[in-house]
Amino acid sequence: MRGQWRDNIEREGLAPIAITISEDSEHMPCPACGTAAALVEGACSDCGLQLE
């Protein structure tokens, strides 16, 4: 399955984003978009991924 995933992202011209965590950030970055902000009703405030 991992090989299929790599093939798909390569075919689409996509690459996983690198997420860096700042030492002074109080919020963890979203695994989907990388936004490090407070959740809104348990979801990422940028992309809406439900995290809680």
N, C-alpha and C. Protein backbone atom coordinates (compact mmCIF):
# COMPACT_ATOMS: atom_id res chain seq x y z
N MET A 1 0.82 -1.19 0.00
CA MET A 1 0.00 0.00 0.00
C MET A 1 0.87 1.26 0.00
N ARG A 2 1.95 1.23 0.75
CA ARG A 2 2.85 2.38 0.79
C ARG A 2 3.42 2.67 -0.60
N GLY A 3 3.74 1.63 -1.35
CA GLY A 3 4.24 1.80 -2.71
C GLY A 3 3.21 2.45 -3.61
N GLN A 4 1.94 2.05 -3.47
CA GLN A 4 0.86 2.67 -4.24
C GLN A 4 0.75 4.15 -3.92
N TRP A 5 0.85 4.47 -2.64
CA TRP A 5 0.76 5.86 -2.21
C TRP A 5 1.88 6.68 -2.86
N ARG A 6 3.09 6.17 -2.80
CA ARG A 6 4.23 6.88 -3.40
C ARG A 6 4.04 7.05 -4.90
N ASP A 7 3.57 6.00 -5.57
CA ASP A 7 3.31 6.08 -7.01
C ASP A 7 2.26 7.14 -7.32
N ASN A 8 1.21 7.18 -6.52
CA ASN A 8 0.14 8.15 -6.74
C ASN A 8 0.62 9.59 -6.56
N ILE A 9 1.36 9.86 -5.49
CA ILE A 9 1.81 11.24 -5.30
C ILE A 9 2.83 11.64 -6.36
N GLU A 10 3.63 10.69 -6.80
CA GLU A 10 4.59 10.98 -7.86
C GLU A 10 3.87 11.28 -9.17
N ARG A 11 2.86 10.49 -9.49
CA ARG A 11 2.08 10.67 -10.72
C ARG A 11 1.35 12.02 -10.71
N GLU A 12 0.86 12.43 -9.55
CA GLU A 12 0.13 13.69 -9.43
C GLU A 12 1.07 14.90 -9.29
N GLY A 13 2.36 14.64 -9.12
CA GLY A 13 3.30 15.74 -8.96
C GLY A 13 3.26 16.37 -7.59
N LEU A 14 2.85 15.60 -6.60
CA LEU A 14 2.74 16.09 -5.24
C LEU A 14 3.87 15.53 -4.39
N ALA A 15 4.15 16.20 -3.32
CA ALA A 15 5.15 15.71 -2.38
C ALA A 15 4.65 16.02 -0.98
N PRO A 16 4.92 15.15 -0.03
CA PRO A 16 4.51 15.44 1.36
C PRO A 16 5.16 16.73 1.83
N ILE A 17 4.42 17.50 2.62
CA ILE A 17 4.98 18.73 3.16
C ILE A 17 5.82 18.41 4.37
N ALA A 18 6.86 19.18 4.54
CA ALA A 18 7.71 19.02 5.73
C ALA A 18 7.14 19.91 6.82
N ILE A 19 6.88 19.32 7.95
CA ILE A 19 6.32 20.07 9.07
C ILE A 19 7.42 20.26 10.11
N THR A 20 7.66 21.52 10.43
CA THR A 20 8.64 21.81 11.48
C THR A 20 7.88 22.37 12.67
N ILE A 21 8.26 21.93 13.83
CA ILE A 21 7.61 22.37 15.06
C ILE A 21 8.51 23.40 15.73
N SER A 22 8.00 24.58 15.89
CA SER A 22 8.74 25.65 16.54
C SER A 22 8.74 25.42 18.05
N GLU A 23 9.86 25.68 18.66
CA GLU A 23 9.99 25.50 20.11
C GLU A 23 9.05 26.41 20.89
N ASP A 24 8.75 27.60 20.34
CA ASP A 24 7.92 28.56 21.06
C ASP A 24 6.44 28.46 20.71
N SER A 25 6.06 27.53 19.84
CA SER A 25 4.66 27.37 19.46
C SER A 25 3.91 26.59 20.53
N GLU A 26 2.73 27.06 20.89
CA GLU A 26 1.93 26.35 21.89
C GLU A 26 0.97 25.35 21.24
N HIS A 27 0.85 25.38 19.91
CA HIS A 27 -0.06 24.49 19.19
C HIS A 27 0.71 23.54 18.28
N MET A 28 0.27 22.30 18.24
CA MET A 28 0.86 21.32 17.32
C MET A 28 0.38 21.62 15.91
N PRO A 29 1.21 21.40 14.90
CA PRO A 29 0.78 21.64 13.53
C PRO A 29 -0.21 20.58 13.06
N CYS A 30 -1.12 20.97 12.20
CA CYS A 30 -2.09 20.05 11.61
C CYS A 30 -1.35 19.05 10.73
N PRO A 31 -1.64 17.77 10.82
CA PRO A 31 -0.95 16.79 9.98
C PRO A 31 -1.32 16.90 8.50
N ALA A 32 -2.42 17.57 8.18
CA ALA A 32 -2.84 17.70 6.78
C ALA A 32 -2.24 18.93 6.11
N CYS A 33 -2.30 20.09 6.79
CA CYS A 33 -1.89 21.33 6.12
C CYS A 33 -0.71 22.03 6.79
N GLY A 34 -0.37 21.63 8.01
CA GLY A 34 0.78 22.21 8.70
C GLY A 34 0.48 23.46 9.51
N THR A 35 -0.77 23.91 9.53
CA THR A 35 -1.13 25.10 10.29
C THR A 35 -1.00 24.83 11.79
N ALA A 36 -0.29 25.69 12.48
CA ALA A 36 -0.13 25.57 13.94
C ALA A 36 -0.98 26.65 14.59
N ALA A 37 -2.23 26.35 14.84
CA ALA A 37 -3.15 27.31 15.44
C ALA A 37 -4.14 26.56 16.33
N ALA A 38 -4.87 27.31 17.11
CA ALA A 38 -5.87 26.71 17.98
C ALA A 38 -6.95 26.02 17.15
N LEU A 39 -7.46 24.91 17.68
CA LEU A 39 -8.54 24.20 17.00
C LEU A 39 -9.85 24.97 17.13
N VAL A 40 -10.72 24.80 16.15
CA VAL A 40 -12.05 25.41 16.18
C VAL A 40 -13.04 24.25 16.21
N GLU A 41 -13.71 24.09 17.35
CA GLU A 41 -14.64 22.98 17.56
C GLU A 41 -14.00 21.63 17.23
N GLY A 42 -12.73 21.47 17.63
CA GLY A 42 -12.01 20.21 17.45
C GLY A 42 -11.43 20.00 16.07
N ALA A 43 -11.46 21.02 15.21
CA ALA A 43 -10.97 20.88 13.84
C ALA A 43 -9.91 21.94 13.56
N CYS A 44 -9.06 21.67 12.58
CA CYS A 44 -8.04 22.63 12.14
C CYS A 44 -8.74 23.91 11.67
N SER A 45 -8.24 25.04 12.12
CA SER A 45 -8.86 26.32 11.75
C SER A 45 -8.61 26.69 10.29
N ASP A 46 -7.66 26.02 9.63
CA ASP A 46 -7.35 26.34 8.23
C ASP A 46 -8.04 25.39 7.25
N CYS A 47 -7.76 24.07 7.40
CA CYS A 47 -8.29 23.12 6.41
C CYS A 47 -9.54 22.38 6.88
N GLY A 48 -9.85 22.45 8.18
CA GLY A 48 -11.07 21.82 8.69
C GLY A 48 -10.93 20.35 9.07
N LEU A 49 -9.72 19.80 9.01
CA LEU A 49 -9.54 18.40 9.40
C LEU A 49 -9.95 18.21 10.85
N GLN A 50 -10.84 17.25 11.09
CA GLN A 50 -11.32 16.98 12.46
C GLN A 50 -10.24 16.25 13.22
N LEU A 51 -9.77 16.85 14.32
CA LEU A 51 -8.67 16.29 15.09
C LEU A 51 -9.07 15.80 16.47
N GLU A 52 -10.22 16.20 16.96
CA GLU A 52 -10.69 15.73 18.28
C GLU A 52 -12.02 15.08 18.14
